[in-house]
Amino acid sequence: MGQEETPEYYSDEILNARLSLYTRRHLPWVSVVLGWFLYIGIGRGIELWSGLFFGVLALSTIVIPIRHLMGSARFRAELSRITP
């Protein structure tokens, strides 16, 4: 079966739109997890910045799940709009 015979389910535009949508949806989670790893690994040793860094991470840990839940309907609507 050649490449010209293979059915194309998603065009490049749809794939890019879906990738962008999922990236915008999950990037805050990845950022917070990475931030906690950095804070635990090296952030506590920085005298001036450790308190500020901890405050931002703590606030982000509270806010991001709320934003994730509140944006679920919009995410599903955008996903159904770009899904053929």
N, C-alpha and C. Protein backbone atom coordinates (compact mmCIF):
# COMPACT_ATOMS: atom_id res chain seq x y z
N MET A 1 0.85 -1.18 0.00
CA MET A 1 0.00 0.00 0.00
C MET A 1 0.90 1.24 0.00
N GLY A 2 0.81 2.04 -1.02
CA GLY A 2 1.66 3.21 -1.17
C GLY A 2 1.14 4.40 -0.37
N GLN A 3 1.93 5.43 -0.36
CA GLN A 3 1.56 6.62 0.40
C GLN A 3 0.35 7.30 -0.21
N GLU A 4 0.21 7.25 -1.51
CA GLU A 4 -0.94 7.88 -2.15
C GLU A 4 -2.23 7.12 -1.88
N GLU A 5 -2.13 5.85 -1.47
CA GLU A 5 -3.31 5.06 -1.17
C GLU A 5 -3.72 5.15 0.31
N THR A 6 -2.86 5.68 1.13
CA THR A 6 -3.14 5.77 2.56
C THR A 6 -4.14 6.89 2.82
N PRO A 7 -5.24 6.59 3.51
CA PRO A 7 -6.21 7.66 3.79
C PRO A 7 -5.65 8.66 4.81
N GLU A 8 -5.94 9.91 4.59
CA GLU A 8 -5.48 10.97 5.48
C GLU A 8 -6.65 11.41 6.34
N TYR A 9 -6.56 11.11 7.64
CA TYR A 9 -7.66 11.42 8.54
C TYR A 9 -7.64 12.88 8.98
N TYR A 10 -6.44 13.39 9.24
CA TYR A 10 -6.31 14.78 9.69
C TYR A 10 -5.34 15.50 8.76
N SER A 11 -5.70 16.68 8.34
CA SER A 11 -4.78 17.48 7.53
C SER A 11 -3.74 18.11 8.45
N ASP A 12 -2.73 18.71 7.84
CA ASP A 12 -1.68 19.35 8.63
C ASP A 12 -2.22 20.50 9.46
N GLU A 13 -3.18 21.24 8.92
CA GLU A 13 -3.76 22.36 9.66
C GLU A 13 -4.51 21.87 10.90
N ILE A 14 -5.24 20.77 10.75
CA ILE A 14 -5.98 20.23 11.89
C ILE A 14 -5.01 19.68 12.93
N LEU A 15 -3.97 19.00 12.48
CA LEU A 15 -2.98 18.48 13.43
C LEU A 15 -2.31 19.61 14.20
N ASN A 16 -1.94 20.69 13.51
CA ASN A 16 -1.31 21.83 14.17
C ASN A 16 -2.27 22.51 15.14
N ALA A 17 -3.53 22.62 14.76
CA ALA A 17 -4.51 23.24 15.65
C ALA A 17 -4.74 22.38 16.89
N ARG A 18 -4.80 21.06 16.71
CA ARG A 18 -4.99 20.17 17.86
C ARG A 18 -3.77 20.19 18.78
N LEU A 19 -2.57 20.18 18.21
CA LEU A 19 -1.35 20.24 19.01
C LEU A 19 -1.29 21.55 19.79
N SER A 20 -1.64 22.65 19.16
CA SER A 20 -1.65 23.94 19.84
C SER A 20 -2.67 23.97 20.96
N LEU A 21 -3.83 23.40 20.73
CA LEU A 21 -4.88 23.37 21.75
C LEU A 21 -4.46 22.54 22.95
N TYR A 22 -3.91 21.36 22.71
CA TYR A 22 -3.46 20.52 23.82
C TYR A 22 -2.28 21.14 24.55
N THR A 23 -1.39 21.80 23.82
CA THR A 23 -0.25 22.46 24.45
C THR A 23 -0.72 23.58 25.37
N ARG A 24 -1.64 24.41 24.89
CA ARG A 24 -2.17 25.48 25.74
C ARG A 24 -2.90 24.92 26.95
N ARG A 25 -3.50 23.76 26.82
CA ARG A 25 -4.26 23.16 27.91
C ARG A 25 -3.34 22.59 28.99
N HIS A 26 -2.22 21.97 28.60
CA HIS A 26 -1.41 21.23 29.55
C HIS A 26 -0.08 21.88 29.90
N LEU A 27 0.32 22.94 29.22
CA LEU A 27 1.58 23.60 29.52
C LEU A 27 1.65 24.16 30.95
N PRO A 28 0.59 24.74 31.50
CA PRO A 28 0.68 25.21 32.89
C PRO A 28 0.99 24.08 33.88
N TRP A 29 0.42 22.89 33.66
CA TRP A 29 0.71 21.76 34.55
C TRP A 29 2.18 21.38 34.48
N VAL A 30 2.72 21.32 33.28
CA VAL A 30 4.12 20.96 33.10
C VAL A 30 5.01 22.02 33.74
N SER A 31 4.63 23.28 33.61
CA SER A 31 5.42 24.37 34.20
C SER A 31 5.45 24.28 35.72
N VAL A 32 4.32 23.98 36.32
CA VAL A 32 4.28 23.89 37.79
C VAL A 32 5.09 22.70 38.29
N VAL A 33 4.96 21.55 37.63
CA VAL A 33 5.73 20.37 38.05
C VAL A 33 7.22 20.63 37.89
N LEU A 34 7.60 21.21 36.76
CA LEU A 34 9.01 21.55 36.56
C LEU A 34 9.48 22.58 37.58
N GLY A 35 8.64 23.55 37.88
CA GLY A 35 8.98 24.55 38.89
C GLY A 35 9.21 23.93 40.26
N TRP A 36 8.37 22.98 40.66
CA TRP A 36 8.56 22.31 41.96
C TRP A 36 9.85 21.51 41.97
N PHE A 37 10.16 20.82 40.86
CA PHE A 37 11.43 20.09 40.80
C PHE A 37 12.61 21.04 40.92
N LEU A 38 12.55 22.17 40.24
CA LEU A 38 13.64 23.15 40.34
C LEU A 38 13.73 23.74 41.74
N TYR A 39 12.60 24.02 42.34
CA TYR A 39 12.60 24.59 43.69
C TYR A 39 13.20 23.61 44.69
N ILE A 40 12.77 22.35 44.61
CA ILE A 40 13.29 21.35 45.55
C ILE A 40 14.77 21.09 45.28
N GLY A 41 15.14 21.08 44.02
CA GLY A 41 16.53 20.77 43.67
C GLY A 41 17.50 21.90 43.99
N ILE A 42 17.21 23.11 43.52
CA ILE A 42 18.18 24.20 43.69
C ILE A 42 17.57 25.47 44.26
N GLY A 43 16.26 25.59 44.23
CA GLY A 43 15.62 26.86 44.61
C GLY A 43 15.70 27.20 46.08
N ARG A 44 15.76 26.20 46.94
CA ARG A 44 15.80 26.49 48.37
C ARG A 44 17.14 27.07 48.79
N GLY A 45 18.17 26.85 48.00
CA GLY A 45 19.49 27.35 48.36
C GLY A 45 19.71 28.82 48.02
N ILE A 46 18.84 29.42 47.25
CA ILE A 46 18.98 30.81 46.86
C ILE A 46 18.26 31.65 47.91
N GLU A 47 19.02 32.41 48.68
CA GLU A 47 18.47 33.10 49.84
C GLU A 47 17.39 34.11 49.49
N LEU A 48 17.66 35.01 48.57
CA LEU A 48 16.72 36.08 48.26
C LEU A 48 15.50 35.59 47.50
N TRP A 49 15.68 34.66 46.57
CA TRP A 49 14.62 34.26 45.66
C TRP A 49 13.78 33.09 46.14
N SER A 50 14.23 32.35 47.14
CA SER A 50 13.52 31.13 47.52
C SER A 50 12.11 31.44 48.05
N GLY A 51 11.92 32.48 48.80
CA GLY A 51 10.60 32.85 49.31
C GLY A 51 9.66 33.27 48.20
N LEU A 52 10.16 34.08 47.29
CA LEU A 52 9.35 34.53 46.15
C LEU A 52 9.01 33.35 45.24
N PHE A 53 9.99 32.52 44.97
CA PHE A 53 9.79 31.34 44.12
C PHE A 53 8.76 30.40 44.75
N PHE A 54 8.86 30.18 46.05
CA PHE A 54 7.90 29.33 46.74
C PHE A 54 6.49 29.94 46.69
N GLY A 55 6.38 31.23 46.88
CA GLY A 55 5.07 31.89 46.83
C GLY A 55 4.41 31.76 45.47
N VAL A 56 5.19 31.97 44.42
CA VAL A 56 4.64 31.84 43.06
C VAL A 56 4.23 30.41 42.78
N LEU A 57 5.04 29.45 43.20
CA LEU A 57 4.68 28.04 42.99
C LEU A 57 3.45 27.64 43.79
N ALA A 58 3.36 28.09 45.02
CA ALA A 58 2.19 27.75 45.84
C ALA A 58 0.92 28.35 45.24
N LEU A 59 0.98 29.60 44.82
CA LEU A 59 -0.17 30.24 44.20
C LEU A 59 -0.54 29.55 42.88
N SER A 60 0.46 29.21 42.09
CA SER A 60 0.20 28.52 40.82
C SER A 60 -0.41 27.14 41.05
N THR A 61 0.03 26.46 42.10
CA THR A 61 -0.50 25.14 42.41
C THR A 61 -1.97 25.22 42.78
N ILE A 62 -2.40 26.33 43.33
CA ILE A 62 -3.81 26.51 43.69
C ILE A 62 -4.62 26.98 42.48
N VAL A 63 -4.08 27.89 41.71
CA VAL A 63 -4.83 28.53 40.63
C VAL A 63 -4.97 27.63 39.40
N ILE A 64 -3.93 26.89 39.04
CA ILE A 64 -3.95 26.12 37.80
C ILE A 64 -5.04 25.04 37.78
N PRO A 65 -5.25 24.26 38.84
CA PRO A 65 -6.36 23.30 38.78
C PRO A 65 -7.73 23.96 38.63
N ILE A 66 -7.90 25.11 39.25
CA ILE A 66 -9.17 25.84 39.12
C ILE A 66 -9.36 26.30 37.68
N ARG A 67 -8.32 26.88 37.08
CA ARG A 67 -8.42 27.31 35.68
C ARG A 67 -8.62 26.13 34.74
N HIS A 68 -7.99 25.00 35.08
CA HIS A 68 -8.14 23.80 34.25
C HIS A 68 -9.59 23.33 34.26
N LEU A 69 -10.20 23.28 35.42
CA LEU A 69 -11.59 22.84 35.52
C LEU A 69 -12.55 23.84 34.89
N MET A 70 -12.30 25.12 35.09
CA MET A 70 -13.18 26.14 34.53
C MET A 70 -13.08 26.22 33.01
N GLY A 71 -11.94 25.83 32.45
CA GLY A 71 -11.76 25.88 31.01
C GLY A 71 -12.11 24.60 30.29
N SER A 72 -12.64 23.61 31.01
CA SER A 72 -12.94 22.31 30.38
C SER A 72 -13.97 22.43 29.28
N ALA A 73 -15.02 23.16 29.52
CA ALA A 73 -16.08 23.29 28.51
C ALA A 73 -15.56 24.00 27.26
N ARG A 74 -14.78 25.04 27.44
CA ARG A 74 -14.21 25.76 26.30
C ARG A 74 -13.25 24.86 25.52
N PHE A 75 -12.44 24.08 26.24
CA PHE A 75 -11.51 23.16 25.59
C PHE A 75 -12.27 22.13 24.76
N ARG A 76 -13.29 21.52 25.32
CA ARG A 76 -14.08 20.53 24.58
C ARG A 76 -14.78 21.15 23.38
N ALA A 77 -15.25 22.40 23.52
CA ALA A 77 -15.92 23.08 22.41
C ALA A 77 -14.92 23.34 21.28
N GLU A 78 -13.73 23.83 21.63
CA GLU A 78 -12.73 24.09 20.60
C GLU A 78 -12.25 22.79 19.96
N LEU A 79 -12.12 21.73 20.75
CA LEU A 79 -11.69 20.45 20.21
C LEU A 79 -12.73 19.87 19.26
N SER A 80 -14.01 19.99 19.61
CA SER A 80 -15.05 19.48 18.71
C SER A 80 -15.16 20.32 17.45
N ARG A 81 -14.81 21.61 17.55
CA ARG A 81 -14.85 22.48 16.38
C ARG A 81 -13.78 22.10 15.36
N ILE A 82 -12.61 21.69 15.84
CA ILE A 82 -11.52 21.39 14.90
C ILE A 82 -11.41 19.91 14.58
N THR A 83 -12.22 19.07 15.18
CA THR A 83 -12.21 17.64 14.89
C THR A 83 -13.17 17.36 13.76
N PRO A 84 -12.69 16.73 12.69
CA PRO A 84 -13.58 16.47 11.55
C PRO A 84 -14.63 15.41 11.86
